[in-house]
PDB file of N, CA and C in Angstrom:
ATOM      1  N   MET A   1       1.400  64.089-177.556  1.00  0.00           N
ATOM      2  CA  MET A   1       2.133  64.510-179.200  1.00  0.00           C
ATOM      3  C   MET A   1       2.828  65.487-178.992  1.00  0.00           C
ATOM      4  N   THR A   2       3.883  65.288-179.406  1.00  0.00           N
ATOM      5  CA  THR A   2       5.395  65.890-179.852  1.00  0.00           C
ATOM      6  C   THR A   2       5.402  67.043-180.679  1.00  0.00           C
ATOM      7  N   ALA A   3       6.051  68.135-180.745  1.00  0.00           N
ATOM      8  CA  ALA A   3       6.017  69.140-181.699  1.00  0.00           C
ATOM      9  C   ALA A   3       6.261  68.442-183.128  1.00  0.00           C
ATOM     10  N   PHE A   4       6.837  67.295-183.100  1.00  0.00           N
ATOM     11  CA  PHE A   4       7.275  66.744-184.298  1.00  0.00           C
ATOM     12  C   PHE A   4       6.556  65.743-185.110  1.00  0.00           C
ATOM     13  N   GLU A   5       5.608  65.341-184.467  1.00  0.00           N
ATOM     14  CA  GLU A   5       4.243  64.565-185.026  1.00  0.00           C
ATOM     15  C   GLU A   5       3.069  65.254-185.404  1.00  0.00           C
ATOM     16  N   GLU A   6       2.521  64.554-186.366  1.00  0.00           N
ATOM     17  CA  GLU A   6       1.590  65.328-186.997  1.00  0.00           C
ATOM     18  C   GLU A   6       0.447  64.651-186.737  1.00  0.00           C
ATOM     19  N   GLU A   7      -0.609  65.291-187.080  1.00  0.00           N
ATOM     20  CA  GLU A   7      -2.138  65.049-186.715  1.00  0.00           C
ATOM     21  C   GLU A   7      -2.448  64.114-188.013  1.00  0.00           C
ATOM     22  N   PRO A   8      -3.327  63.107-187.852  1.00  0.00           N
ATOM     23  CA  PRO A   8      -3.721  62.044-188.779  1.00  0.00           C
ATOM     24  C   PRO A   8      -3.801  62.744-190.091  1.00  0.00           C
ATOM     25  N   HIS A   9      -4.634  64.096-190.171  1.00  0.00           N
ATOM     26  CA  HIS A   9      -5.105  64.739-191.683  1.00  0.00           C
ATOM     27  C   HIS A   9      -3.912  65.369-192.055  1.00  0.00           C
ATOM     28  N   ASN A  10      -2.549  65.102-191.605  1.00  0.00           N
ATOM     29  CA  ASN A  10      -1.117  65.826-192.087  1.00  0.00           C
ATOM     30  C   ASN A  10      -0.388  64.358-192.607  1.00  0.00           C
ATOM     31  N   ARG A  11      -0.670  63.643-192.445  1.00  0.00           N
ATOM     32  CA  ARG A  11       0.191  62.622-193.068  1.00  0.00           C
ATOM     33  C   ARG A  11       0.258  62.449-194.512  1.00  0.00           C
ATOM     34  N   PRO A  12       1.778  61.785-195.166  1.00  0.00           N
ATOM     35  CA  PRO A  12       1.815  62.055-196.285  1.00  0.00           C
ATOM     36  C   PRO A  12       0.517  61.650-197.225  1.00  0.00           C
ATOM     37  N   GLY A  13       0.578  62.345-198.241  1.00  0.00           N
ATOM     38  CA  GLY A  13      -1.158  62.021-199.042  1.00  0.00           C
ATOM     39  C   GLY A  13      -2.102  62.701-198.808  1.00  0.00           C
ATOM     40  N   ASN A  14      -2.143  63.369-197.464  1.00  0.00           N
ATOM     41  CA  ASN A  14      -3.474  64.216-196.975  1.00  0.00           C
ATOM     42  C   ASN A  14      -2.963  65.691-196.776  1.00  0.00           C
ATOM     43  N   ARG A  15      -1.639  66.074-196.850  1.00  0.00           N
ATOM     44  CA  ARG A  15      -1.238  67.611-196.914  1.00  0.00           C
ATOM     45  C   ARG A  15      -1.708  68.445-198.005  1.00  0.00           C
ATOM     46  N   TRP A  16      -1.776  69.425-197.705  1.00  0.00           N
ATOM     47  CA  TRP A  16      -2.267  70.607-199.079  1.00  0.00           C
ATOM     48  C   TRP A  16      -1.135  70.326-200.036  1.00  0.00           C
ATOM     49  N   TYR A  17      -0.125  70.279-199.852  1.00  0.00           N
ATOM     50  CA  TYR A  17       1.142  70.383-200.691  1.00  0.00           C
ATOM     51  C   TYR A  17       1.481  69.234-201.354  1.00  0.00           C
ATOM     52  N   ASP A  18       0.925  68.000-200.814  1.00  0.00           N
ATOM     53  CA  ASP A  18       0.966  66.567-201.365  1.00  0.00           C
ATOM     54  C   ASP A  18       0.229  66.645-202.996  1.00  0.00           C
ATOM     55  N   ALA A  19      -0.695  67.510-203.283  1.00  0.00           N
ATOM     56  CA  ALA A  19      -1.480  67.416-204.644  1.00  0.00           C
ATOM     57  C   ALA A  19      -0.406  67.705-205.614  1.00  0.00           C
ATOM     58  N   ASP A  20       0.577  68.489-205.710  1.00  0.00           N
ATOM     59  CA  ASP A  20       1.922  68.687-206.772  1.00  0.00           C
ATOM     60  C   ASP A  20       2.952  67.834-206.170  1.00  0.00           C
ATOM     61  N   PRO A  21       3.195  66.879-207.336  1.00  0.00           N
ATOM     62  CA  PRO A  21       4.575  66.088-207.004  1.00  0.00           C
ATOM     63  C   PRO A  21       6.037  67.121-206.789  1.00  0.00           C
ATOM     64  N   ALA A  22       5.970  67.777-207.451  1.00  0.00           N
ATOM     65  CA  ALA A  22       7.307  68.779-207.248  1.00  0.00           C
ATOM     66  C   ALA A  22       7.173  69.366-206.153  1.00  0.00           C
ATOM     67  N   LEU A  23       6.046  69.976-205.737  1.00  0.00           N
ATOM     68  CA  LEU A  23       5.996  70.607-204.316  1.00  0.00           C
ATOM     69  C   LEU A  23       6.103  69.904-203.066  1.00  0.00           C
ATOM     70  N   HIS A  24       5.483  68.865-203.617  1.00  0.00           N
ATOM     71  CA  HIS A  24       5.164  67.385-202.348  1.00  0.00           C
ATOM     72  C   HIS A  24       7.046  67.148-202.151  1.00  0.00           C
ATOM     73  N   THR A  25       8.266  66.861-203.292  1.00  0.00           N
ATOM     74  CA  THR A  25       9.131  66.718-203.304  1.00  0.00           C
ATOM     75  C   THR A  25      10.166  67.701-202.426  1.00  0.00           C
ATOM     76  N   ALA A  26       9.836  68.800-202.842  1.00  0.00           N
ATOM     77  CA  ALA A  26      10.771  70.120-202.333  1.00  0.00           C
ATOM     78  C   ALA A  26      10.052  70.054-200.963  1.00  0.00           C
ATOM     79  N   MET A  27       9.104  69.776-200.248  1.00  0.00           N
ATOM     80  CA  MET A  27       8.840  70.057-198.869  1.00  0.00           C
ATOM     81  C   MET A  27       8.988  68.801-198.200  1.00  0.00           C
ATOM     82  N   GLU A  28       9.355  67.802-198.689  1.00  0.00           N
ATOM     83  CA  GLU A  28       9.937  66.724-198.189  1.00  0.00           C
ATOM     84  C   GLU A  28      11.442  67.076-197.779  1.00  0.00           C
ATOM     85  N   GLN A  29      11.964  67.676-198.979  1.00  0.00           N
ATOM     86  CA  GLN A  29      13.481  67.958-198.792  1.00  0.00           C
ATOM     87  C   GLN A  29      13.839  68.762-197.812  1.00  0.00           C
ATOM     88  N   LEU A  30      12.511  69.916-197.764  1.00  0.00           N
ATOM     89  CA  LEU A  30      12.830  71.005-196.687  1.00  0.00           C
ATOM     90  C   LEU A  30      12.911  70.477-195.266  1.00  0.00           C
ATOM     91  N   ARG A  31      11.767  69.500-195.419  1.00  0.00           N
ATOM     92  CA  ARG A  31      11.581  68.862-193.816  1.00  0.00           C
ATOM     93  C   ARG A  31      12.868  68.443-193.337  1.00  0.00           C
ATOM     94  N   LEU A  32      13.383  67.620-194.085  1.00  0.00           N
ATOM     95  CA  LEU A  32      14.820  67.303-193.403  1.00  0.00           C
ATOM     96  C   LEU A  32      15.824  67.632-193.547  1.00  0.00           C
ATOM     97  N   ALA A  33      15.919  68.956-194.100  1.00  0.00           N
ATOM     98  CA  ALA A  33      17.156  69.827-193.914  1.00  0.00           C
ATOM     99  C   ALA A  33      17.199  70.600-192.642  1.00  0.00           C
ATOM    100  N   PRO A  34      18.521  70.955-192.526  1.00  0.00           N
ATOM    101  CA  PRO A  34      19.193  71.437-191.096  1.00  0.00           C
ATOM    102  C   PRO A  34      18.319  72.661-191.130  1.00  0.00           C
ATOM    103  N   ASP A  35      18.230  73.085-189.900  1.00  0.00           N
ATOM    104  CA  ASP A  35      17.478  74.431-189.591  1.00  0.00           C
ATOM    105  C   ASP A  35      17.973  75.575-190.152  1.00  0.00           C
ATOM    106  N   ASN A  36      19.102  75.551-190.323  1.00  0.00           N
ATOM    107  CA  ASN A  36      19.887  77.010-191.036  1.00  0.00           C
ATOM    108  C   ASN A  36      19.602  77.043-192.187  1.00  0.00           C
ATOM    109  N   TYR A  37      19.121  75.742-193.184  1.00  0.00           N
ATOM    110  CA  TYR A  37      18.789  75.741-194.265  1.00  0.00           C
ATOM    111  C   TYR A  37      17.365  76.266-194.197  1.00  0.00           C
ATOM    112  N   GLN A  38      16.739  75.794-193.439  1.00  0.00           N
ATOM    113  CA  GLN A  38      15.075  75.991-193.401  1.00  0.00           C
ATOM    114  C   GLN A  38      14.672  77.436-193.338  1.00  0.00           C
ATOM    115  N   ALA A  39      15.587  77.921-192.578  1.00  0.00           N
ATOM    116  CA  ALA A  39      15.359  79.353-192.363  1.00  0.00           C
ATOM    117  C   ALA A  39      15.890  80.196-193.530  1.00  0.00           C
ATOM    118  N   GLN A  40      17.126  79.845-194.361  1.00  0.00           N
ATOM    119  CA  GLN A  40      16.931  80.292-195.456  1.00  0.00           C
ATOM    120  C   GLN A  40      16.111  80.231-196.478  1.00  0.00           C
ATOM    121  N   ILE A  41      15.724  78.957-196.712  1.00  0.00           N
ATOM    122  CA  ILE A  41      15.022  78.751-197.702  1.00  0.00           C
ATOM    123  C   ILE A  41      13.344  79.963-197.610  1.00  0.00           C
ATOM    124  N   ALA A  42      12.857  79.497-195.872  1.00  0.00           N
ATOM    125  CA  ALA A  42      11.653  80.402-195.733  1.00  0.00           C
ATOM    126  C   ALA A  42      11.756  81.807-196.087  1.00  0.00           C
ATOM    127  N   LEU A  43      12.831  82.210-195.923  1.00  0.00           N
ATOM    128  CA  LEU A  43      12.938  83.972-196.585  1.00  0.00           C
ATOM    129  C   LEU A  43      13.138  84.059-197.488  1.00  0.00           C
ATOM    130  N   ASN A  44      13.753  83.001-198.477  1.00  0.00           N
ATOM    131  CA  ASN A  44      13.695  82.643-200.077  1.00  0.00           C
ATOM    132  C   ASN A  44      11.968  82.626-200.476  1.00  0.00           C
ATOM    133  N   ILE A  45      11.467  81.611-199.871  1.00  0.00           N
ATOM    134  CA  ILE A  45      10.088  81.523-199.979  1.00  0.00           C
ATOM    135  C   ILE A  45       9.234  82.732-200.088  1.00  0.00           C
ATOM    136  N   ILE A  46       9.341  83.189-199.147  1.00  0.00           N
ATOM    137  CA  ILE A  46       8.884  84.581-198.958  1.00  0.00           C
ATOM    138  C   ILE A  46       9.539  85.791-200.072  1.00  0.00           C
ATOM    139  N   LYS A  47      10.517  85.780-200.305  1.00  0.00           N
ATOM    140  CA  LYS A  47      11.271  86.962-201.240  1.00  0.00           C
ATOM    141  C   LYS A  47      10.628  86.466-202.655  1.00  0.00           C
ATOM    142  N   ILE A  48      10.205  85.466-202.927  1.00  0.00           N
ATOM    143  CA  ILE A  48       9.771  84.766-204.232  1.00  0.00           C
ATOM    144  C   ILE A  48       8.240  85.146-204.489  1.00  0.00           C
ATOM    145  N   ILE A  49       7.410  84.797-203.613  1.00  0.00           N
ATOM    146  CA  ILE A  49       6.235  85.103-203.263  1.00  0.00           C
ATOM    147  C   ILE A  49       5.882  86.940-203.603  1.00  0.00           C
ATOM    148  N   VAL A  50       6.808  87.722-202.771  1.00  0.00           N
ATOM    149  CA  VAL A  50       6.855  89.057-202.884  1.00  0.00           C
ATOM    150  C   VAL A  50       7.117  89.741-204.193  1.00  0.00           C
ATOM    151  N   GLU A  51       8.373  88.985-204.700  1.00  0.00           N
ATOM    152  CA  GLU A  51       8.564  89.467-206.050  1.00  0.00           C
ATOM    153  C   GLU A  51       7.638  89.317-207.027  1.00  0.00           C
ATOM    154  N   HIS A  52       7.022  88.260-206.815  1.00  0.00           N
ATOM    155  CA  HIS A  52       6.076  88.027-207.852  1.00  0.00           C
ATOM    156  C   HIS A  52       4.735  88.819-207.819  1.00  0.00           C
ATOM    157  N   GLN A  53       4.408  89.195-206.331  1.00  0.00           N
ATOM    158  CA  GLN A  53       3.432  90.124-206.180  1.00  0.00           C
ATOM    159  C   GLN A  53       4.004  91.451-206.766  1.00  0.00           C
ATOM    160  N   MET A  54       4.738  91.796-206.387  1.00  0.00           N
ATOM    161  CA  MET A  54       4.995  93.093-207.204  1.00  0.00           C
ATOM    162  C   MET A  54       5.128  93.263-208.862  1.00  0.00           C
ATOM    163  N   GLU A  55       5.482  91.996-209.633  1.00  0.00           N
ATOM    164  CA  GLU A  55       5.163  91.898-210.621  1.00  0.00           C
ATOM    165  C   GLU A  55       3.623  92.204-211.147  1.00  0.00           C
ATOM    166  N   GLU A  56       3.060  91.216-210.783  1.00  0.00           N
ATOM    167  CA  GLU A  56       1.615  91.583-210.645  1.00  0.00           C
ATOM    168  C   GLU A  56       1.014  92.777-210.724  1.00  0.00           C
ATOM    169  N   GLU A  57       1.465  93.745-209.659  1.00  0.00           N
ATOM    170  CA  GLU A  57       0.868  95.038-209.100  1.00  0.00           C
ATOM    171  C   GLU A  57       1.620  96.189-210.246  1.00  0.00           C
ATOM    172  N   THR A  58       2.864  95.622-210.871  1.00  0.00           N
ATOM    173  CA  THR A  58       3.389  96.708-211.934  1.00  0.00           C
ATOM    174  C   THR A  58       2.784  96.139-213.241  1.00  0.00           C
ATOM    175  N   ASP A  59       2.107  94.883-213.472  1.00  0.00           N
ATOM    176  CA  ASP A  59       1.326  94.884-214.859  1.00  0.00           C
ATOM    177  C   ASP A  59       0.010  95.257-214.814  1.00  0.00           C
ATOM    178  N   GLY A  60      -0.395  95.900-213.514  1.00  0.00           N
ATOM    179  CA  GLY A  60      -2.002  96.571-213.330  1.00  0.00           C
ATOM    180  C   GLY A  60      -2.895  95.339-212.881  1.00  0.00           C
ATOM    181  N   SER A  61      -2.520  94.302-212.278  1.00  0.00           N
ATOM    182  CA  SER A  61      -3.417  93.476-212.168  1.00  0.00           C
ATOM    183  C   SER A  61      -3.678  93.423-210.389  1.00  0.00           C
ATOM    184  N   ILE A  62      -4.687  92.671-210.062  1.00  0.00           N
ATOM    185  CA  ILE A  62      -4.905  93.281-208.487  1.00  0.00           C
ATOM    186  C   ILE A  62      -3.761  92.249-207.483  1.00  0.00           C
ATOM    187  N   GLY A  63      -3.470  92.794-206.579  1.00  0.00           N
ATOM    188  CA  GLY A  63      -2.418  92.048-206.065  1.00  0.00           C
ATOM    189  C   GLY A  63      -3.192  90.454-205.160  1.00  0.00           C
ATOM    190  N   ALA A  64      -2.956  89.507-205.286  1.00  0.00           N
ATOM    191  CA  ALA A  64      -3.326  88.559-204.970  1.00  0.00           C
ATOM    192  C   ALA A  64      -2.789  88.293-203.359  1.00  0.00           C
ATOM    193  N   ILE A  65      -1.746  88.488-202.774  1.00  0.00           N
ATOM    194  CA  ILE A  65      -1.402  88.329-201.672  1.00  0.00           C
ATOM    195  C   ILE A  65      -1.932  89.353-200.834  1.00  0.00           C
ATOM    196  N   HIS A  66      -2.148  90.661-201.145  1.00  0.00           N
ATOM    197  CA  HIS A  66      -2.606  91.720-200.333  1.00  0.00           C
ATOM    198  C   HIS A  66      -4.109  91.218-199.875  1.00  0.00           C
ATOM    199  N   THR A  67      -4.775  90.687-200.882  1.00  0.00           N
ATOM    200  CA  THR A  67      -6.451  90.620-200.520  1.00  0.00           C
ATOM    201  C   THR A  67      -6.687  89.717-199.581  1.00  0.00           C
ATOM    202  N   ALA A  68      -5.660  88.493-199.475  1.00  0.00           N
ATOM    203  CA  ALA A  68      -5.650  87.274-198.629  1.00  0.00           C
ATOM    204  C   ALA A  68      -5.871  87.941-197.170  1.00  0.00           C
ATOM    205  N   VAL A  69      -6.882  86.950-196.413  1.00  0.00           N
ATOM    206  CA  VAL A  69      -6.903  87.505-195.033  1.00  0.00           C
ATOM    207  C   VAL A  69      -5.607  86.512-194.249  1.00  0.00           C
ATOM    208  N   PRO A  70      -4.628  87.144-193.767  1.00  0.00           N
ATOM    209  CA  PRO A  70      -3.569  86.201-192.921  1.00  0.00           C
ATOM    210  C   PRO A  70      -4.571  85.605-191.629  1.00  0.00           C
ATOM    211  N   ARG A  71      -4.070  84.499-191.324  1.00  0.00           N
ATOM    212  CA  ARG A  71      -4.573  83.988-190.346  1.00  0.00           C
ATOM    213  C   ARG A  71      -3.653  84.005-189.241  1.00  0.00           C
ATOM    214  N   GLN A  72      -4.339  84.242-188.032  1.00  0.00           N
ATOM    215  CA  GLN A  72      -3.733  84.427-187.046  1.00  0.00           C
ATOM    216  C   GLN A  72      -3.393  83.539-185.773  1.00  0.00           C
ATOM    217  N   ARG A  73      -2.127  83.494-185.682  1.00  0.00           N
ATOM    218  CA  ARG A  73      -1.273  82.567-184.908  1.00  0.00           C
ATOM    219  C   ARG A  73      -0.732  82.898-183.604  1.00  0.00           C
ATOM    220  N   SER A  74      -0.445  81.990-182.779  1.00  0.00           N
ATOM    221  CA  SER A  74       0.383  82.176-181.591  1.00  0.00           C
ATOM    222  C   SER A  74       1.299  81.775-181.819  1.00  0.00           C
ATOM    223  N   TRP A  75       2.539  82.546-181.542  1.00  0.00           N
ATOM    224  CA  TRP A  75       3.979  81.903-181.357  1.00  0.00           C
ATOM    225  C   TRP A  75       4.720  82.217-180.016  1.00  0.00           C
ATOM    226  N   ASP A  76       3.842  81.992-179.257  1.00  0.00           N
ATOM    227  CA  ASP A  76       4.388  81.895-177.612  1.00  0.00           C
ATOM    228  C   ASP A  76       5.136  80.891-177.365  1.00  0.00           C
ATOM    229  N   GLY A  77       5.351  79.920-177.947  1.00  0.00           N
ATOM    230  CA  GLY A  77       6.059  78.444-177.494  1.00  0.00           C
ATOM    231  C   GLY A  77       5.429  77.669-176.673  1.00  0.00           C
ATOM    232  N   HIS A  78       4.213  77.945-176.469  1.00  0.00           N
ATOM    233  CA  HIS A  78       3.550  77.137-175.315  1.00  0.00           C
ATOM    234  C   HIS A  78       2.452  76.606-175.961  1.00  0.00           C
ATOM    235  N   ARG A  79       2.041  76.668-177.484  1.00  0.00           N
ATOM    236  CA  ARG A  79       1.037  76.035-178.014  1.00  0.00           C
ATOM    237  C   ARG A  79       1.792  74.611-178.586  1.00  0.00           C
ATOM    238  N   GLN A  80       1.366  73.505-178.915  1.00  0.00           N
ATOM    239  CA  GLN A  80       1.872  72.599-179.445  1.00  0.00           C
ATOM    240  C   GLN A  80       1.946  72.529-180.989  1.00  0.00           C
ATOM    241  N   HIS A  81       2.878  72.369-181.694  1.00  0.00           N
ATOM    242  CA  HIS A  81       3.040  72.710-183.271  1.00  0.00           C
ATOM    243  C   HIS A  81       2.119  71.348-184.031  1.00  0.00           C
ATOM    244  N   ARG A  82       1.288  71.663-185.009  1.00  0.00           N
ATOM    245  CA  ARG A  82       0.602  70.124-185.482  1.00  0.00           C
ATOM    246  C   ARG A  82       1.533  70.114-186.559  1.00  0.00           C
ATOM    247  N   ARG A  83       2.062  71.165-187.280  1.00  0.00           N
ATOM    248  CA  ARG A  83       2.701  70.836-188.629  1.00  0.00           C
ATOM    249  C   ARG A  83       4.338  70.934-188.500  1.00  0.00           C
ATOM    250  N   TRP A  84       5.148  70.228-189.073  1.00  0.00           N
ATOM    251  CA  TRP A  84       6.512  70.301-188.955  1.00  0.00           C
ATOM    252  C   TRP A  84       7.085  71.408-189.167  1.00  0.00           C
ATOM    253  N   TYR A  85       6.544  72.236-190.232  1.00  0.00           N
ATOM    254  CA  TYR A  85       6.818  73.704-190.177  1.00  0.00           C
ATOM    255  C   TYR A  85       6.592  74.891-189.554  1.00  0.00           C
ATOM    256  N   ASP A  86       5.735  74.411-188.468  1.00  0.00           N
ATOM    257  CA  ASP A  86       5.210  75.211-187.501  1.00  0.00           C
ATOM    258  C   ASP A  86       6.420  75.458-186.117  1.00  0.00           C
ATOM    259  N   VAL A  87       7.771  74.525-186.172  1.00  0.00           N
ATOM    260  CA  VAL A  87       8.280  74.662-184.932  1.00  0.00           C
ATOM    261  C   VAL A  87       9.269  76.046-185.431  1.00  0.00           C
ATOM    262  N   HIS A  88       9.003  76.469-186.399  1.00  0.00           N
ATOM    263  CA  HIS A  88      10.037  77.772-186.786  1.00  0.00           C
ATOM    264  C   HIS A  88       9.275  78.963-187.093  1.00  0.00           C
ATOM    265  N   GLU A  89       9.090  79.838-186.807  1.00  0.00           N
ATOM    266  CA  GLU A  89       8.274  81.323-186.978  1.00  0.00           C
ATOM    267  C   GLU A  89       8.420  81.261-188.551  1.00  0.00           C
ATOM    268  N   THR A  90       9.543  81.756-188.791  1.00  0.00           N
ATOM    269  CA  THR A  90       9.656  82.423-189.984  1.00  0.00           C
ATOM    270  C   THR A  90       9.422  81.237-191.153  1.00  0.00           C
ATOM    271  N   LEU A  91       9.673  79.839-190.890  1.00  0.00           N
ATOM    272  CA  LEU A  91       9.266  78.853-191.781  1.00  0.00           C
ATOM    273  C   LEU A  91       7.842  78.496-191.870  1.00  0.00           C
ATOM    274  N   GLY A  92       7.238  78.601-190.850  1.00  0.00           N
ATOM    275  CA  GLY A  92       5.777  78.258-190.762  1.00  0.00           C
ATOM    276  C   GLY A  92       5.079  79.599-191.292  1.00  0.00           C
ATOM    277  N   SER A  93       5.590  80.936-191.169  1.00  0.00           N
ATOM    278  CA  SER A  93       4.739  81.996-191.948  1.00  0.00           C
ATOM    279  C   SER A  93       5.126  81.927-193.885  1.00  0.00           C
ATOM    280  N   ALA A  94       6.262  81.503-193.899  1.00  0.00           N
ATOM    281  CA  ALA A  94       6.644  81.060-195.468  1.00  0.00           C
ATOM    282  C   ALA A  94       5.715  80.144-196.234  1.00  0.00           C
ATOM    283  N   ILE A  95       5.545  79.161-195.335  1.00  0.00           N
ATOM    284  CA  ILE A  95       4.680  78.084-196.042  1.00  0.00           C
ATOM    285  C   ILE A  95       3.300  78.077-196.236  1.00  0.00           C
ATOM    286  N   GLN A  96       2.850  79.032-194.751  1.00  0.00           N
ATOM    287  CA  GLN A  96       1.467  79.510-194.789  1.00  0.00           C
ATOM    288  C   GLN A  96       1.170  80.466-195.811  1.00  0.00           C
ATOM    289  N   LEU A  97       2.149  81.502-196.188  1.00  0.00           N
ATOM    290  CA  LEU A  97       1.743  82.230-197.127  1.00  0.00           C
ATOM    291  C   LEU A  97       1.718  81.735-198.775  1.00  0.00           C
ATOM    292  N   LEU A  98       2.396  80.518-198.803  1.00  0.00           N
ATOM    293  CA  LEU A  98       2.257  80.034-199.887  1.00  0.00           C
ATOM    294  C   LEU A  98       1.033  79.041-199.798  1.00  0.00           C
ATOM    295  N   ALA A  99       0.648  78.669-199.038  1.00  0.00           N
ATOM    296  CA  ALA A  99      -0.837  77.995-198.629  1.00  0.00           C
ATOM    297  C   ALA A  99      -1.598  78.425-198.867  1.00  0.00           C
ATOM    298  N   ASP A 100      -1.575  80.127-198.411  1.00  0.00           N
ATOM    299  CA  ASP A 100      -3.177  80.731-198.528  1.00  0.00           C
ATOM    300  C   ASP A 100      -3.043  81.657-199.898  1.00  0.00           C
ATOM    301  N   ALA A 101      -1.983  81.324-200.960  1.00  0.00           N
ATOM    302  CA  ALA A 101      -1.961  81.659-202.239  1.00  0.00           C
ATOM    303  C   ALA A 101      -3.070  81.393-203.069  1.00  0.00           C
ATOM    304  N   PRO A 102      -3.893  82.094-203.783  1.00  0.00           N
ATOM    305  CA  PRO A 102      -5.004  81.531-204.770  1.00  0.00           C
ATOM    306  C   PRO A 102      -4.121  80.176-205.474  1.00  0.00           C
ATOM    307  N   ASP A 103      -4.841  79.368-205.556  1.00  0.00           N
ATOM    308  CA  ASP A 103      -4.112  78.375-206.921  1.00  0.00           C
ATOM    309  C   ASP A 103      -3.622  78.697-207.928  1.00  0.00           C
ATOM    310  N   ASP A 104      -4.272  79.465-208.694  1.00  0.00           N
ATOM    311  CA  ASP A 104      -3.279  80.114-209.996  1.00  0.00           C
ATOM    312  C   ASP A 104      -2.100  80.828-209.645  1.00  0.00           C
ATOM    313  N   LEU A 105      -1.813  81.299-208.410  1.00  0.00           N
ATOM    314  CA  LEU A 105      -0.769  81.742-207.906  1.00  0.00           C
ATOM    315  C   LEU A 105       0.159  81.117-207.742  1.00  0.00           C
ATOM    316  N   GLN A 106      -0.112  79.893-206.860  1.00  0.00           N
ATOM    317  CA  GLN A 106       0.629  78.570-206.463  1.00  0.00           C
ATOM    318  C   GLN A 106       1.273  77.802-207.407  1.00  0.00           C
ATOM    319  N   LYS A 107       0.348  77.602-208.540  1.00  0.00           N
ATOM    320  CA  LYS A 107       0.944  76.953-209.829  1.00  0.00           C
ATOM    321  C   LYS A 107       1.893  77.551-210.334  1.00  0.00           C
ATOM    322  N   SER A 108       1.838  79.100-210.502  1.00  0.00           N
ATOM    323  CA  SER A 108       2.900  79.661-211.173  1.00  0.00           C
ATOM    324  C   SER A 108       4.212  79.998-210.251  1.00  0.00           C
ATOM    325  N   LEU A 109       3.981  79.560-209.045  1.00  0.00           N
ATOM    326  CA  LEU A 109       5.421  79.832-207.639  1.00  0.00           C
ATOM    327  C   LEU A 109       5.888  78.692-207.770  1.00  0.00           C
ATOM    328  N   ILE A 110       5.396  77.380-207.951  1.00  0.00           N
ATOM    329  CA  ILE A 110       6.026  76.332-207.379  1.00  0.00           C
ATOM    330  C   ILE A 110       7.092  75.700-208.212  1.00  0.00           C
ATOM    331  N   PRO A 111       6.984  75.680-209.500  1.00  0.00           N
ATOM    332  CA  PRO A 111       8.646  75.323-210.284  1.00  0.00           C
ATOM    333  C   PRO A 111       9.925  76.177-209.534  1.00  0.00           C
ATOM    334  N   SER A 112       9.501  77.672-209.399  1.00  0.00           N
ATOM    335  CA  SER A 112      10.719  78.340-208.909  1.00  0.00           C
ATOM    336  C   SER A 112      10.941  78.068-207.640  1.00  0.00           C
ATOM    337  N   ILE A 113       9.945  77.829-206.699  1.00  0.00           N
ATOM    338  CA  ILE A 113      10.212  77.607-205.615  1.00  0.00           C
ATOM    339  C   ILE A 113      10.833  76.252-205.076  1.00  0.00           C
ATOM    340  N   ALA A 114      10.398  75.096-206.236  1.00  0.00           N
ATOM    341  CA  ALA A 114      10.802  73.897-205.711  1.00  0.00           C
ATOM    342  C   ALA A 114      12.394  73.904-206.345  1.00  0.00           C
ATOM    343  N   GLN A 115      12.832  74.576-207.174  1.00  0.00           N
ATOM    344  CA  GLN A 115      14.130  74.912-207.807  1.00  0.00           C
ATOM    345  C   GLN A 115      14.874  75.436-206.844  1.00  0.00           C
ATOM    346  N   MET A 116      14.378  76.699-206.256  1.00  0.00           N
ATOM    347  CA  MET A 116      15.129  77.523-204.953  1.00  0.00           C
ATOM    348  C   MET A 116      15.910  76.200-203.954  1.00  0.00           C
ATOM    349  N   ILE A 117      14.921  75.567-203.450  1.00  0.00           N
ATOM    350  CA  ILE A 117      15.063  74.569-202.700  1.00  0.00           C
ATOM    351  C   ILE A 117      15.998  73.541-202.993  1.00  0.00           C
ATOM    352  N   GLU A 118      15.905  72.726-203.950  1.00  0.00           N
ATOM    353  CA  GLU A 118      16.692  71.848-204.601  1.00  0.00           C
ATOM    354  C   GLU A 118      18.393  72.820-204.641  1.00  0.00           C
ATOM    355  N   THR A 119      17.964  73.669-205.302  1.00  0.00           N
ATOM    356  CA  THR A 119      19.584  74.531-205.306  1.00  0.00           C
ATOM    357  C   THR A 119      20.283  74.496-204.094  1.00  0.00           C
ATOM    358  N   THR A 120      19.379  75.053-203.301  1.00  0.00           N
ATOM    359  CA  THR A 120      19.814  75.540-201.939  1.00  0.00           C
ATOM    360  C   THR A 120      20.342  74.288-201.164  1.00  0.00           C
ATOM    361  N   LEU A 121      19.409  73.164-201.250  1.00  0.00           N
ATOM    362  CA  LEU A 121      20.086  71.929-200.445  1.00  0.00           C
ATOM    363  C   LEU A 121      21.327  71.209-201.213  1.00  0.00           C
ATOM    364  N   SER A 122      21.498  71.709-202.685  1.00  0.00           N
ATOM    365  CA  SER A 122      22.371  70.953-203.270  1.00  0.00           C
ATOM    366  C   SER A 122      23.763  71.107-202.659  1.00  0.00           C
ATOM    367  N   SER A 123      24.080  72.201-201.945  1.00  0.00           N
ATOM    368  CA  SER A 123      25.255  72.828-201.318  1.00  0.00           C
ATOM    369  C   SER A 123      25.392  72.114-199.916  1.00  0.00           C
ATOM    370  N   TYR A 124      24.355  71.477-199.929  1.00  0.00           N
ATOM    371  CA  TYR A 124      24.598  70.901-198.384  1.00  0.00           C
ATOM    372  C   TYR A 124      25.492  69.490-198.276  1.00  0.00           C
ATOM    373  N   PRO A 125      26.296  69.704-197.447  1.00  0.00           N
ATOM    374  CA  PRO A 125      27.100  68.245-197.533  1.00  0.00           C
ATOM    375  C   PRO A 125      26.673  67.295-196.920  1.00  0.00           C
ATOM    376  N   ASP A 126      26.465  66.337-197.477  1.00  0.00           N
ATOM    377  CA  ASP A 126      25.837  64.769-197.227  1.00  0.00           C
ATOM    378  C   ASP A 126      26.222  64.264-196.005  1.00  0.00           C
TER     379      ASP A 126
END
């Protein structure tokens, strides 16, 4: 299996982000984007999540991101990448941060993330 092939459970319709049509569309656009756009979008995804986290903390609610236990990953370049976004460490981290967020947080973040991806990629020349 190459770095760009996906496991059977990761085929379209079976991925965690396929449950939301807007997120599915945004992730598909992101998957097809050039590397430099993927890197920029990854940083923006992290920024959106962190800003939302800061707003929650300011409101006095318990932070959802800080209570999540991060998954340990090896980025040594020797492992095979199972997901398309794992080929870039920052992109993989950003997408995993969103995937690990509680459902209610994901639902509140998806519209702004989908819009940001669409806006960023609209500047990409065809």
